[in-house]
PDB file of all heavy atoms in Angstrom:
ATOM      1  N   LYS A   1     -13.098   6.446 -28.640  1.00  0.00           N
ATOM      2  CA  LYS A   1     -12.298   6.838 -29.804  1.00  0.00           C
ATOM      3  C   LYS A   1     -10.849   6.373 -29.686  1.00  0.00           C
ATOM      4  O   LYS A   1     -10.164   6.243 -30.690  1.00  0.00           O
ATOM      5  CB  LYS A   1     -12.318   8.359 -29.980  1.00  0.00           C
ATOM      6  CG  LYS A   1     -13.646   8.893 -30.513  1.00  0.00           C
ATOM      7  CD  LYS A   1     -13.596  10.395 -30.695  1.00  0.00           C
ATOM      8  CE  LYS A   1     -12.639  10.817 -31.762  1.00  0.00           C
ATOM      9  NZ  LYS A   1     -12.619  12.280 -31.955  1.00  0.00           N
ATOM     10  N   CYS A   2     -10.396   6.122 -28.467  1.00  0.00           N
ATOM     11  CA  CYS A   2      -9.008   5.703 -28.270  1.00  0.00           C
ATOM     12  C   CYS A   2      -8.858   4.244 -28.695  1.00  0.00           C
ATOM     13  O   CYS A   2      -9.640   3.373 -28.271  1.00  0.00           O
ATOM     14  CB  CYS A   2      -8.596   5.887 -26.814  1.00  0.00           C
ATOM     15  SG  CYS A   2      -6.921   5.310 -26.486  1.00  0.00           S
ATOM     16  N   THR A   3      -7.832   3.947 -29.479  1.00  0.00           N
ATOM     17  CA  THR A   3      -7.671   2.583 -30.031  1.00  0.00           C
ATOM     18  C   THR A   3      -6.602   1.760 -29.300  1.00  0.00           C
ATOM     19  O   THR A   3      -6.350   0.636 -29.698  1.00  0.00           O
ATOM     20  CB  THR A   3      -7.304   2.668 -31.504  1.00  0.00           C
ATOM     21  OG1 THR A   3      -6.115   3.470 -31.665  1.00  0.00           O
ATOM     22  CG2 THR A   3      -8.439   3.292 -32.319  1.00  0.00           C
ATOM     23  N   THR A   4      -5.993   2.335 -28.240  1.00  0.00           N
ATOM     24  CA  THR A   4      -4.999   1.534 -27.516  1.00  0.00           C
ATOM     25  C   THR A   4      -5.693   0.650 -26.487  1.00  0.00           C
ATOM     26  O   THR A   4      -6.759   0.993 -25.972  1.00  0.00           O
ATOM     27  CB  THR A   4      -3.974   2.433 -26.800  1.00  0.00           C
ATOM     28  OG1 THR A   4      -4.640   3.187 -25.766  1.00  0.00           O
ATOM     29  CG2 THR A   4      -3.303   3.393 -27.776  1.00  0.00           C
ATOM     30  N   GLY A   5      -5.085  -0.489 -26.188  1.00  0.00           N
ATOM     31  CA  GLY A   5      -5.679  -1.401 -25.218  1.00  0.00           C
ATOM     32  C   GLY A   5      -5.807  -0.819 -23.836  1.00  0.00           C
ATOM     33  O   GLY A   5      -6.763  -1.111 -23.108  1.00  0.00           O
ATOM     34  N   SER A   6      -4.867   0.057 -23.466  1.00  0.00           N
ATOM     35  CA  SER A   6      -4.859   0.623 -22.116  1.00  0.00           C
ATOM     36  C   SER A   6      -5.740   1.856 -21.984  1.00  0.00           C
ATOM     37  O   SER A   6      -6.070   2.279 -20.871  1.00  0.00           O
ATOM     38  CB  SER A   6      -3.424   0.999 -21.724  1.00  0.00           C
ATOM     39  OG  SER A   6      -2.943   2.035 -22.573  1.00  0.00           O
ATOM     40  N   GLY A   7      -6.110   2.449 -23.138  1.00  0.00           N
ATOM     41  CA  GLY A   7      -6.832   3.719 -23.080  1.00  0.00           C
ATOM     42  C   GLY A   7      -5.905   4.909 -22.882  1.00  0.00           C
ATOM     43  O   GLY A   7      -6.344   6.057 -22.886  1.00  0.00           O
ATOM     44  N   GLU A   8      -4.600   4.616 -22.736  1.00  0.00           N
ATOM     45  CA  GLU A   8      -3.589   5.656 -22.531  1.00  0.00           C
ATOM     46  C   GLU A   8      -2.845   5.895 -23.830  1.00  0.00           C
ATOM     47  O   GLU A   8      -2.863   5.060 -24.753  1.00  0.00           O
ATOM     48  CB  GLU A   8      -2.573   5.216 -21.454  1.00  0.00           C
ATOM     49  CG  GLU A   8      -3.189   4.821 -20.114  1.00  0.00           C
ATOM     50  CD  GLU A   8      -3.713   6.014 -19.323  1.00  0.00           C
ATOM     51  OE1 GLU A   8      -3.034   7.062 -19.334  1.00  0.00           O
ATOM     52  OE2 GLU A   8      -4.792   5.908 -18.739  1.00  0.00           O
ATOM     53  N   ILE A   9      -2.141   7.045 -23.905  1.00  0.00           N
ATOM     54  CA  ILE A   9      -1.227   7.285 -25.038  1.00  0.00           C
ATOM     55  C   ILE A   9      -0.058   6.315 -24.907  1.00  0.00           C
ATOM     56  O   ILE A   9       0.629   6.294 -23.884  1.00  0.00           O
ATOM     57  CB  ILE A   9      -0.713   8.731 -25.027  1.00  0.00           C
ATOM     58  CG1 ILE A   9      -1.888   9.725 -25.146  1.00  0.00           C
ATOM     59  CG2 ILE A   9       0.291   8.943 -26.143  1.00  0.00           C
ATOM     60  CD1 ILE A   9      -1.497  11.148 -24.851  1.00  0.00           C
ATOM     61  N   GLU A  10       0.162   5.515 -25.931  1.00  0.00           N
ATOM     62  CA  GLU A  10       1.255   4.541 -25.891  1.00  0.00           C
ATOM     63  C   GLU A  10       2.370   4.889 -26.886  1.00  0.00           C
ATOM     64  O   GLU A  10       3.490   4.393 -26.743  1.00  0.00           O
ATOM     65  CB  GLU A  10       0.708   3.140 -26.193  1.00  0.00           C
ATOM     66  CG  GLU A  10      -0.260   2.654 -25.118  1.00  0.00           C
ATOM     67  CD  GLU A  10      -0.892   1.300 -25.443  1.00  0.00           C
ATOM     68  OE1 GLU A  10      -0.575   0.737 -26.503  1.00  0.00           O
ATOM     69  OE2 GLU A  10      -1.702   0.821 -24.629  1.00  0.00           O
ATOM     70  N   SER A  11       2.064   5.755 -27.864  1.00  0.00           N
ATOM     71  CA  SER A  11       3.076   6.141 -28.829  1.00  0.00           C
ATOM     72  C   SER A  11       2.858   7.586 -29.268  1.00  0.00           C
ATOM     73  O   SER A  11       1.778   7.920 -29.771  1.00  0.00           O
ATOM     74  CB  SER A  11       3.044   5.242 -30.071  1.00  0.00           C
ATOM     75  OG  SER A  11       3.893   5.776 -31.084  1.00  0.00           O
ATOM     76  N   TYR A  12       3.885   8.418 -29.091  1.00  0.00           N
ATOM     77  CA  TYR A  12       3.796   9.818 -29.536  1.00  0.00           C
ATOM     78  C   TYR A  12       4.085   9.942 -31.021  1.00  0.00           C
ATOM     79  O   TYR A  12       4.087  11.072 -31.559  1.00  0.00           O
ATOM     80  CB  TYR A  12       4.715  10.688 -28.688  1.00  0.00           C
ATOM     81  CG  TYR A  12       4.054  11.098 -27.397  1.00  0.00           C
ATOM     82  CD1 TYR A  12       4.030  10.241 -26.298  1.00  0.00           C
ATOM     83  CD2 TYR A  12       3.425  12.328 -27.280  1.00  0.00           C
ATOM     84  CE1 TYR A  12       3.392  10.600 -25.118  1.00  0.00           C
ATOM     85  CE2 TYR A  12       2.791  12.699 -26.104  1.00  0.00           C
ATOM     86  CZ  TYR A  12       2.775  11.841 -25.031  1.00  0.00           C
ATOM     87  OH  TYR A  12       2.136  12.185 -23.850  1.00  0.00           O
ATOM     88  N   CYS A  13       4.311   8.827 -31.695  1.00  0.00           N
ATOM     89  CA  CYS A  13       4.449   8.835 -33.150  1.00  0.00           C
ATOM     90  C   CYS A  13       3.100   8.689 -33.855  1.00  0.00           C
ATOM     91  O   CYS A  13       3.019   8.696 -35.080  1.00  0.00           O
ATOM     92  CB  CYS A  13       5.396   7.723 -33.594  1.00  0.00           C
ATOM     93  SG  CYS A  13       7.094   7.965 -33.026  1.00  0.00           S
ATOM     94  N   ASP A  14       2.046   8.513 -33.075  1.00  0.00           N
ATOM     95  CA  ASP A  14       0.701   8.334 -33.615  1.00  0.00           C
ATOM     96  C   ASP A  14      -0.167   9.519 -33.147  1.00  0.00           C
ATOM     97  O   ASP A  14      -0.562   9.585 -31.989  1.00  0.00           O
ATOM     98  CB  ASP A  14       0.114   7.020 -33.113  1.00  0.00           C
ATOM     99  CG  ASP A  14      -1.277   6.730 -33.661  1.00  0.00           C
ATOM    100  OD1 ASP A  14      -1.945   7.673 -34.150  1.00  0.00           O
ATOM    101  OD2 ASP A  14      -1.719   5.565 -33.573  1.00  0.00           O
ATOM    102  N   ALA A  15      -0.431  10.452 -34.052  1.00  0.00           N
ATOM    103  CA  ALA A  15      -1.160  11.667 -33.706  1.00  0.00           C
ATOM    104  C   ALA A  15      -2.551  11.371 -33.171  1.00  0.00           C
ATOM    105  O   ALA A  15      -3.052  12.074 -32.273  1.00  0.00           O
ATOM    106  CB  ALA A  15      -1.246  12.593 -34.908  1.00  0.00           C
ATOM    107  N   ARG A  16      -3.197  10.326 -33.687  1.00  0.00           N
ATOM    108  CA  ARG A  16      -4.550  10.009 -33.217  1.00  0.00           C
ATOM    109  C   ARG A  16      -4.531   9.568 -31.754  1.00  0.00           C
ATOM    110  O   ARG A  16      -5.424   9.924 -30.988  1.00  0.00           O
ATOM    111  CB  ARG A  16      -5.168   8.937 -34.109  1.00  0.00           C
ATOM    112  CG  ARG A  16      -5.317   9.343 -35.577  1.00  0.00           C
ATOM    113  CD  ARG A  16      -6.127   8.344 -36.370  1.00  0.00           C
ATOM    114  NE  ARG A  16      -7.535   8.389 -35.987  1.00  0.00           N
ATOM    115  CZ  ARG A  16      -8.413   9.263 -36.477  1.00  0.00           C
ATOM    116  NH1 ARG A  16      -8.021  10.161 -37.341  1.00  0.00           N
ATOM    117  NH2 ARG A  16      -9.660   9.226 -36.112  1.00  0.00           N
ATOM    118  N   GLN A  17      -3.528   8.773 -31.387  1.00  0.00           N
ATOM    119  CA  GLN A  17      -3.402   8.385 -29.977  1.00  0.00           C
ATOM    120  C   GLN A  17      -3.191   9.603 -29.091  1.00  0.00           C
ATOM    121  O   GLN A  17      -3.829   9.744 -28.046  1.00  0.00           O
ATOM    122  CB  GLN A  17      -2.201   7.447 -29.790  1.00  0.00           C
ATOM    123  CG  GLN A  17      -2.427   6.000 -30.135  1.00  0.00           C
ATOM    124  CD  GLN A  17      -1.253   5.159 -29.672  1.00  0.00           C
ATOM    125  OE1 GLN A  17      -0.708   5.370 -28.594  1.00  0.00           O
ATOM    126  NE2 GLN A  17      -0.878   4.201 -30.500  1.00  0.00           N
ATOM    127  N   VAL A  18      -2.293  10.485 -29.520  1.00  0.00           N
ATOM    128  CA  VAL A  18      -1.924  11.632 -28.698  1.00  0.00           C
ATOM    129  C   VAL A  18      -3.141  12.522 -28.435  1.00  0.00           C
ATOM    130  O   VAL A  18      -3.283  13.109 -27.361  1.00  0.00           O
ATOM    131  CB  VAL A  18      -0.789  12.429 -29.363  1.00  0.00           C
ATOM    132  CG1 VAL A  18      -0.446  13.697 -28.575  1.00  0.00           C
ATOM    133  CG2 VAL A  18       0.458  11.553 -29.499  1.00  0.00           C
ATOM    134  N   ARG A  19      -4.053  12.578 -29.407  1.00  0.00           N
ATOM    135  CA  ARG A  19      -5.192  13.486 -29.307  1.00  0.00           C
ATOM    136  C   ARG A  19      -6.483  12.823 -28.869  1.00  0.00           C
ATOM    137  O   ARG A  19      -7.427  13.530 -28.467  1.00  0.00           O
ATOM    138  CB  ARG A  19      -5.382  14.195 -30.650  1.00  0.00           C
ATOM    139  CG  ARG A  19      -4.274  15.195 -30.934  1.00  0.00           C
ATOM    140  CD  ARG A  19      -4.331  15.719 -32.342  1.00  0.00           C
ATOM    141  NE  ARG A  19      -3.395  16.808 -32.564  1.00  0.00           N
ATOM    142  CZ  ARG A  19      -2.859  17.128 -33.733  1.00  0.00           C
ATOM    143  NH1 ARG A  19      -3.178  16.407 -34.819  1.00  0.00           N
ATOM    144  NH2 ARG A  19      -2.022  18.122 -33.864  1.00  0.00           N
ATOM    145  N   ASN A  20      -6.557  11.490 -28.919  1.00  0.00           N
ATOM    146  CA  ASN A  20      -7.817  10.815 -28.561  1.00  0.00           C
ATOM    147  C   ASN A  20      -7.717   9.965 -27.297  1.00  0.00           C
ATOM    148  O   ASN A  20      -8.740   9.563 -26.744  1.00  0.00           O
ATOM    149  CB  ASN A  20      -8.277   9.901 -29.701  1.00  0.00           C
ATOM    150  CG  ASN A  20      -8.727  10.691 -30.927  1.00  0.00           C
ATOM    151  OD1 ASN A  20      -9.074  11.859 -30.827  1.00  0.00           O
ATOM    152  ND2 ASN A  20      -8.690  10.056 -32.090  1.00  0.00           N
ATOM    153  N   CYS A  21      -6.480   9.663 -26.863  1.00  0.00           N
ATOM    154  CA  CYS A  21      -6.297   8.800 -25.701  1.00  0.00           C
ATOM    155  C   CYS A  21      -5.923   9.620 -24.478  1.00  0.00           C
ATOM    156  O   CYS A  21      -5.680  10.822 -24.564  1.00  0.00           O
ATOM    157  CB  CYS A  21      -5.227   7.735 -25.993  1.00  0.00           C
ATOM    158  SG  CYS A  21      -5.673   6.645 -27.366  1.00  0.00           S
ATOM    159  N   ARG A  22      -5.877   8.962 -23.336  1.00  0.00           N
ATOM    160  CA  ARG A  22      -5.655   9.651 -22.079  1.00  0.00           C
ATOM    161  C   ARG A  22      -4.182   9.976 -21.864  1.00  0.00           C
ATOM    162  O   ARG A  22      -3.320   9.111 -22.005  1.00  0.00           O
ATOM    163  CB  ARG A  22      -6.178   8.817 -20.914  1.00  0.00           C
ATOM    164  CG  ARG A  22      -7.694   8.620 -20.931  1.00  0.00           C
ATOM    165  CD  ARG A  22      -8.204   8.121 -19.598  1.00  0.00           C
ATOM    166  NE  ARG A  22      -7.650   6.826 -19.225  1.00  0.00           N
ATOM    167  CZ  ARG A  22      -8.275   5.661 -19.377  1.00  0.00           C
ATOM    168  NH1 ARG A  22      -9.484   5.613 -19.905  1.00  0.00           N
ATOM    169  NH2 ARG A  22      -7.700   4.531 -18.993  1.00  0.00           N
ATOM    170  N   LEU A  23      -3.915  11.202 -21.484  1.00  0.00           N
ATOM    171  CA  LEU A  23      -2.587  11.639 -21.068  1.00  0.00           C
ATOM    172  C   LEU A  23      -2.453  11.328 -19.588  1.00  0.00           C
ATOM    173  O   LEU A  23      -3.216  11.855 -18.758  1.00  0.00           O
ATOM    174  CB  LEU A  23      -2.454  13.148 -21.324  1.00  0.00           C
ATOM    175  CG  LEU A  23      -1.284  13.876 -20.683  1.00  0.00           C
ATOM    176  CD1 LEU A  23       0.039  13.402 -21.294  1.00  0.00           C
ATOM    177  CD2 LEU A  23      -1.444  15.383 -20.857  1.00  0.00           C
ATOM    178  N   VAL A  24      -1.526  10.460 -19.246  1.00  0.00           N
ATOM    179  CA  VAL A  24      -1.297  10.002 -17.855  1.00  0.00           C
ATOM    180  C   VAL A  24      -2.616   9.813 -17.095  1.00  0.00           C
ATOM    181  O   VAL A  24      -2.802  10.343 -16.000  1.00  0.00           O
ATOM    182  CB  VAL A  24      -0.318  10.916 -17.095  1.00  0.00           C
ATOM    183  CG1 VAL A  24       1.089  10.813 -17.665  1.00  0.00           C
ATOM    184  CG2 VAL A  24      -0.764  12.391 -17.097  1.00  0.00           C
TER     185      VAL A  24
END
């Protein structure tokens, strides 16, 4: 579900990243 290349949260301005990608 995470759409960033790294699989990590890359932008806290994107709610989907913050909730679907890995925190640290």
